[in-house]
């Protein structure tokens, strides 16, 4: 399956906005697309989850892998606009502390 993802470049950051369900079926493609951005030098990434209706543990693993790769290249990954279920999953797993969350009421 293909991940539908809007990519836009804002000053100092590349915003990636996937949509729909992010699960094990699309995880490899999502990772491939995000890693391609890193290889192109876009190491400051914001992942906008505003249009994501579902995400699973495989997706979280992709986000962690991409975060590690971005930081190894001097960059970072921030998660923006997570829906309530995503916020809950990120908090339960402790990943809200790893990623800077933006748009969840606790912007850092």
N, C-alpha and C. Protein backbone atom coordinates (compact mmCIF):
# COMPACT_ATOMS: atom_id res chain seq x y z
N UNK A 1 0.84 -1.19 0.00
CA UNK A 1 0.00 0.00 0.00
C UNK A 1 0.88 1.24 0.00
N UNK A 2 0.28 2.32 -0.42
CA UNK A 2 0.98 3.59 -0.50
C UNK A 2 0.51 4.50 0.62
N UNK A 3 1.45 5.24 1.18
CA UNK A 3 1.12 6.23 2.19
C UNK A 3 0.84 7.55 1.47
N UNK A 4 -0.32 8.13 1.74
CA UNK A 4 -0.63 9.44 1.19
C UNK A 4 -0.06 10.46 2.17
N UNK A 5 0.87 11.28 1.66
CA UNK A 5 1.57 12.19 2.54
C UNK A 5 1.84 13.51 1.83
N UNK A 6 1.42 14.59 2.46
CA UNK A 6 1.73 15.93 1.96
C UNK A 6 3.06 16.33 2.58
N UNK A 7 3.98 16.83 1.77
CA UNK A 7 5.27 17.30 2.26
C UNK A 7 5.40 18.75 1.86
N UNK A 8 5.64 19.61 2.85
CA UNK A 8 5.86 21.02 2.54
C UNK A 8 7.05 21.53 3.35
N UNK A 9 7.74 22.46 2.75
CA UNK A 9 8.94 23.00 3.36
C UNK A 9 8.62 24.38 3.92
N UNK A 10 8.74 24.51 5.23
CA UNK A 10 8.55 25.78 5.92
C UNK A 10 9.93 26.25 6.37
N UNK A 11 10.06 27.51 6.75
CA UNK A 11 11.38 28.00 7.17
C UNK A 11 11.98 27.13 8.29
N UNK A 12 13.09 26.48 7.98
CA UNK A 12 13.82 25.69 8.97
C UNK A 12 13.28 24.32 9.28
N UNK A 13 12.20 23.91 8.63
CA UNK A 13 11.60 22.61 8.94
C UNK A 13 10.84 22.07 7.73
N UNK A 14 10.84 20.76 7.61
CA UNK A 14 10.02 20.09 6.61
C UNK A 14 8.85 19.46 7.34
N UNK A 15 7.64 19.81 6.91
CA UNK A 15 6.43 19.29 7.53
C UNK A 15 5.89 18.15 6.67
N UNK A 16 5.72 17.01 7.30
CA UNK A 16 5.21 15.82 6.65
C UNK A 16 3.84 15.53 7.24
N UNK A 17 2.83 15.47 6.38
CA UNK A 17 1.46 15.29 6.87
C UNK A 17 0.83 14.06 6.21
N UNK A 18 1.02 12.89 6.83
CA UNK A 18 0.36 11.69 6.31
C UNK A 18 -1.13 11.76 6.63
N UNK A 19 -1.90 10.91 5.97
CA UNK A 19 -3.33 10.88 6.26
C UNK A 19 -3.81 9.44 6.27
N UNK A 20 -4.95 9.24 6.93
CA UNK A 20 -5.54 7.91 7.00
C UNK A 20 -4.95 7.07 8.11
N UNK A 21 -4.94 5.77 7.88
CA UNK A 21 -4.46 4.82 8.87
C UNK A 21 -2.99 4.51 8.65
N UNK A 22 -2.20 4.66 9.72
CA UNK A 22 -0.79 4.32 9.68
C UNK A 22 -0.60 3.05 10.50
N UNK A 23 -0.48 1.93 9.80
CA UNK A 23 -0.35 0.65 10.47
C UNK A 23 0.75 -0.18 9.82
N UNK A 24 0.86 -1.42 10.22
CA UNK A 24 1.93 -2.28 9.72
C UNK A 24 1.89 -2.45 8.21
N UNK A 25 0.73 -2.27 7.61
CA UNK A 25 0.60 -2.43 6.16
C UNK A 25 1.37 -1.34 5.41
N UNK A 26 1.40 -0.13 5.95
CA UNK A 26 2.06 0.99 5.27
C UNK A 26 3.36 1.42 5.94
N UNK A 27 3.74 0.76 7.02
CA UNK A 27 4.91 1.19 7.81
C UNK A 27 6.20 1.23 7.00
N UNK A 28 6.46 0.23 6.19
CA UNK A 28 7.70 0.20 5.42
C UNK A 28 7.77 1.36 4.43
N UNK A 29 6.65 1.64 3.78
CA UNK A 29 6.60 2.76 2.83
C UNK A 29 6.76 4.09 3.56
N UNK A 30 6.13 4.23 4.70
CA UNK A 30 6.26 5.45 5.50
C UNK A 30 7.72 5.67 5.88
N UNK A 31 8.36 4.63 6.35
CA UNK A 31 9.77 4.72 6.73
C UNK A 31 10.64 5.09 5.53
N UNK A 32 10.39 4.47 4.40
CA UNK A 32 11.16 4.75 3.19
C UNK A 32 11.04 6.23 2.81
N UNK A 33 9.83 6.77 2.86
CA UNK A 33 9.62 8.16 2.48
C UNK A 33 10.29 9.13 3.47
N UNK A 34 10.18 8.83 4.76
CA UNK A 34 10.79 9.70 5.76
C UNK A 34 12.31 9.63 5.69
N UNK A 35 12.86 8.44 5.51
CA UNK A 35 14.32 8.30 5.39
C UNK A 35 14.84 8.99 4.13
N UNK A 36 14.06 8.99 3.06
CA UNK A 36 14.47 9.69 1.84
C UNK A 36 14.59 11.19 2.11
N UNK A 37 13.69 11.73 2.89
CA UNK A 37 13.79 13.16 3.25
C UNK A 37 15.07 13.43 4.03
N UNK A 38 15.38 12.54 4.96
CA UNK A 38 16.62 12.72 5.74
C UNK A 38 17.84 12.68 4.83
N UNK A 39 17.87 11.73 3.92
CA UNK A 39 19.00 11.62 2.99
C UNK A 39 19.14 12.87 2.11
N UNK A 40 18.02 13.54 1.84
CA UNK A 40 18.04 14.76 1.03
C UNK A 40 18.45 15.98 1.85
N UNK A 41 18.71 15.76 3.16
CA UNK A 41 19.16 16.85 4.01
C UNK A 41 18.07 17.54 4.82
N UNK A 42 16.87 17.02 4.76
CA UNK A 42 15.75 17.58 5.54
C UNK A 42 15.74 16.90 6.91
N UNK A 43 16.59 17.39 7.82
CA UNK A 43 16.78 16.71 9.10
C UNK A 43 15.93 17.30 10.22
N UNK A 44 15.29 18.43 9.98
CA UNK A 44 14.34 19.00 10.93
C UNK A 44 12.96 18.65 10.40
N UNK A 45 12.35 17.63 10.98
CA UNK A 45 11.06 17.16 10.50
C UNK A 45 9.97 17.41 11.53
N UNK A 46 8.82 17.81 11.04
CA UNK A 46 7.61 17.84 11.84
C UNK A 46 6.62 16.89 11.19
N UNK A 47 6.13 15.93 11.96
CA UNK A 47 5.13 14.99 11.46
C UNK A 47 3.78 15.45 11.97
N UNK A 48 2.94 15.91 11.05
CA UNK A 48 1.62 16.43 11.39
C UNK A 48 0.62 15.28 11.32
N UNK A 49 0.07 14.91 12.47
CA UNK A 49 -0.85 13.77 12.55
C UNK A 49 -2.32 14.20 12.51
N UNK A 50 -2.58 15.43 12.13
CA UNK A 50 -3.95 15.95 12.13
C UNK A 50 -4.93 15.15 11.30
N UNK A 51 -4.46 14.54 10.21
CA UNK A 51 -5.33 13.76 9.33
C UNK A 51 -5.13 12.25 9.47
N UNK A 52 -4.43 11.84 10.52
CA UNK A 52 -4.20 10.41 10.77
C UNK A 52 -5.31 9.90 11.67
N UNK A 53 -6.01 8.87 11.21
CA UNK A 53 -7.15 8.33 11.96
C UNK A 53 -6.77 7.16 12.85
N UNK A 54 -5.60 6.55 12.60
CA UNK A 54 -5.17 5.40 13.39
C UNK A 54 -3.66 5.26 13.24
N UNK A 55 -3.00 4.87 14.33
CA UNK A 55 -1.60 4.48 14.23
C UNK A 55 -1.35 3.35 15.20
N UNK A 56 -0.41 2.47 14.82
CA UNK A 56 -0.14 1.31 15.65
C UNK A 56 1.31 1.31 16.12
N UNK A 57 1.70 0.25 16.81
CA UNK A 57 3.05 0.15 17.38
C UNK A 57 4.11 0.14 16.29
N UNK A 58 3.81 -0.43 15.14
CA UNK A 58 4.77 -0.44 14.05
C UNK A 58 5.07 0.98 13.60
N UNK A 59 4.04 1.79 13.52
CA UNK A 59 4.21 3.20 13.14
C UNK A 59 5.04 3.94 14.18
N UNK A 60 4.78 3.67 15.44
CA UNK A 60 5.57 4.30 16.50
C UNK A 60 7.04 3.91 16.35
N UNK A 61 7.29 2.66 16.01
CA UNK A 61 8.66 2.22 15.79
C UNK A 61 9.32 2.96 14.63
N UNK A 62 8.57 3.21 13.58
CA UNK A 62 9.09 3.99 12.45
C UNK A 62 9.45 5.39 12.92
N UNK A 63 8.57 6.01 13.69
CA UNK A 63 8.84 7.37 14.18
C UNK A 63 10.11 7.40 15.03
N UNK A 64 10.29 6.41 15.90
CA UNK A 64 11.48 6.36 16.76
C UNK A 64 12.74 6.17 15.91
N UNK A 65 12.69 5.29 14.94
CA UNK A 65 13.83 5.07 14.05
C UNK A 65 14.20 6.35 13.31
N UNK A 66 13.21 7.03 12.78
CA UNK A 66 13.46 8.27 12.04
C UNK A 66 13.99 9.35 12.97
N UNK A 67 13.47 9.41 14.19
CA UNK A 67 13.98 10.38 15.18
C UNK A 67 15.46 10.14 15.45
N UNK A 68 15.83 8.88 15.68
CA UNK A 68 17.24 8.56 15.94
C UNK A 68 18.12 8.95 14.75
N UNK A 69 17.65 8.66 13.55
CA UNK A 69 18.43 9.00 12.36
C UNK A 69 18.53 10.51 12.18
N UNK A 70 17.45 11.23 12.44
CA UNK A 70 17.48 12.70 12.33
C UNK A 70 18.46 13.28 13.34
N UNK A 71 18.42 12.80 14.57
CA UNK A 71 19.33 13.31 15.60
C UNK A 71 20.78 12.98 15.28
N UNK A 72 21.01 11.82 14.70
CA UNK A 72 22.38 11.45 14.31
C UNK A 72 22.92 12.39 13.23
N UNK A 73 22.03 13.01 12.50
CA UNK A 73 22.41 13.96 11.45
C UNK A 73 22.31 15.41 11.92
N UNK A 74 22.10 15.60 13.23
CA UNK A 74 22.01 16.94 13.78
C UNK A 74 20.63 17.56 13.72
N UNK A 75 19.62 16.75 13.48
CA UNK A 75 18.25 17.24 13.36
C UNK A 75 17.35 16.77 14.50
N UNK A 76 16.07 16.82 14.23
CA UNK A 76 15.08 16.43 15.24
C UNK A 76 13.75 16.13 14.54
N UNK A 77 12.87 15.46 15.27
CA UNK A 77 11.52 15.19 14.79
C UNK A 77 10.55 15.63 15.87
N UNK A 78 9.55 16.40 15.46
CA UNK A 78 8.49 16.86 16.35
C UNK A 78 7.18 16.31 15.80
N UNK A 79 6.29 15.92 16.69
CA UNK A 79 4.96 15.46 16.28
C UNK A 79 3.97 16.59 16.55
N UNK A 80 3.21 16.92 15.51
CA UNK A 80 2.25 18.03 15.58
C UNK A 80 0.83 17.51 15.41
N UNK A 81 -0.09 18.15 16.11
CA UNK A 81 -1.53 17.91 15.97
C UNK A 81 -1.99 16.46 16.13
N UNK A 82 -1.45 15.75 17.12
CA UNK A 82 -1.95 14.38 17.30
C UNK A 82 -3.40 14.41 17.79
N UNK A 83 -4.18 13.50 17.31
CA UNK A 83 -5.57 13.36 17.77
C UNK A 83 -5.56 12.75 19.17
N UNK A 84 -6.67 12.84 19.89
CA UNK A 84 -6.70 12.34 21.28
C UNK A 84 -6.21 10.91 21.45
N UNK A 85 -6.57 10.01 20.55
CA UNK A 85 -6.11 8.62 20.69
C UNK A 85 -4.59 8.55 20.52
N UNK A 86 -4.06 9.29 19.56
CA UNK A 86 -2.60 9.30 19.37
C UNK A 86 -1.90 9.89 20.58
N UNK A 87 -2.45 10.95 21.15
CA UNK A 87 -1.86 11.55 22.35
C UNK A 87 -1.81 10.50 23.46
N UNK A 88 -2.90 9.78 23.62
CA UNK A 88 -2.97 8.76 24.67
C UNK A 88 -1.91 7.68 24.45
N UNK A 89 -1.79 7.19 23.21
CA UNK A 89 -0.81 6.15 22.90
C UNK A 89 0.60 6.68 23.16
N UNK A 90 0.89 7.90 22.73
CA UNK A 90 2.21 8.47 22.93
C UNK A 90 2.53 8.63 24.42
N UNK A 91 1.53 9.03 25.20
CA UNK A 91 1.75 9.19 26.64
C UNK A 91 1.92 7.86 27.35
N UNK A 92 1.09 6.88 27.01
CA UNK A 92 1.17 5.57 27.66
C UNK A 92 2.52 4.91 27.40
N UNK A 93 3.04 5.10 26.19
CA UNK A 93 4.32 4.49 25.83
C UNK A 93 5.52 5.32 26.27
N UNK A 94 5.27 6.53 26.75
CA UNK A 94 6.35 7.42 27.16
C UNK A 94 7.00 8.15 26.00
N UNK A 95 6.48 7.96 24.81
CA UNK A 95 7.07 8.61 23.64
C UNK A 95 6.77 10.10 23.57
N UNK A 96 5.80 10.55 24.35
CA UNK A 96 5.54 12.00 24.39
C UNK A 96 6.75 12.73 24.97
N UNK A 97 7.53 12.04 25.79
CA UNK A 97 8.74 12.64 26.36
C UNK A 97 9.90 12.62 25.37
N UNK A 98 9.87 11.68 24.46
CA UNK A 98 10.94 11.56 23.46
C UNK A 98 10.77 12.57 22.33
N UNK A 99 9.55 12.73 21.89
CA UNK A 99 9.23 13.67 20.82
C UNK A 99 8.71 14.95 21.44
N UNK A 100 9.01 16.07 20.81
CA UNK A 100 8.34 17.30 21.21
C UNK A 100 6.96 17.28 20.59
N UNK A 101 5.91 17.31 21.39
CA UNK A 101 4.55 17.32 20.86
C UNK A 101 4.10 18.76 20.70
N UNK A 102 3.50 19.06 19.56
CA UNK A 102 3.04 20.39 19.26
C UNK A 102 1.56 20.29 18.90
N UNK A 103 0.75 21.10 19.58
CA UNK A 103 -0.67 21.09 19.28
C UNK A 103 -1.49 20.15 20.12
N UNK A 104 -0.93 19.70 21.26
CA UNK A 104 -1.67 18.78 22.12
C UNK A 104 -2.00 19.41 23.46
N UNK A 105 -1.78 20.72 23.58
CA UNK A 105 -2.04 21.40 24.85
C UNK A 105 -0.83 21.46 25.73
N UNK A 106 0.26 20.80 25.35
CA UNK A 106 1.48 20.85 26.18
C UNK A 106 2.68 21.14 25.29
N UNK A 107 2.53 22.11 24.43
CA UNK A 107 3.58 22.45 23.48
C UNK A 107 4.88 22.75 24.19
N UNK A 108 5.96 22.14 23.64
CA UNK A 108 7.28 22.37 24.20
C UNK A 108 8.16 22.97 23.15
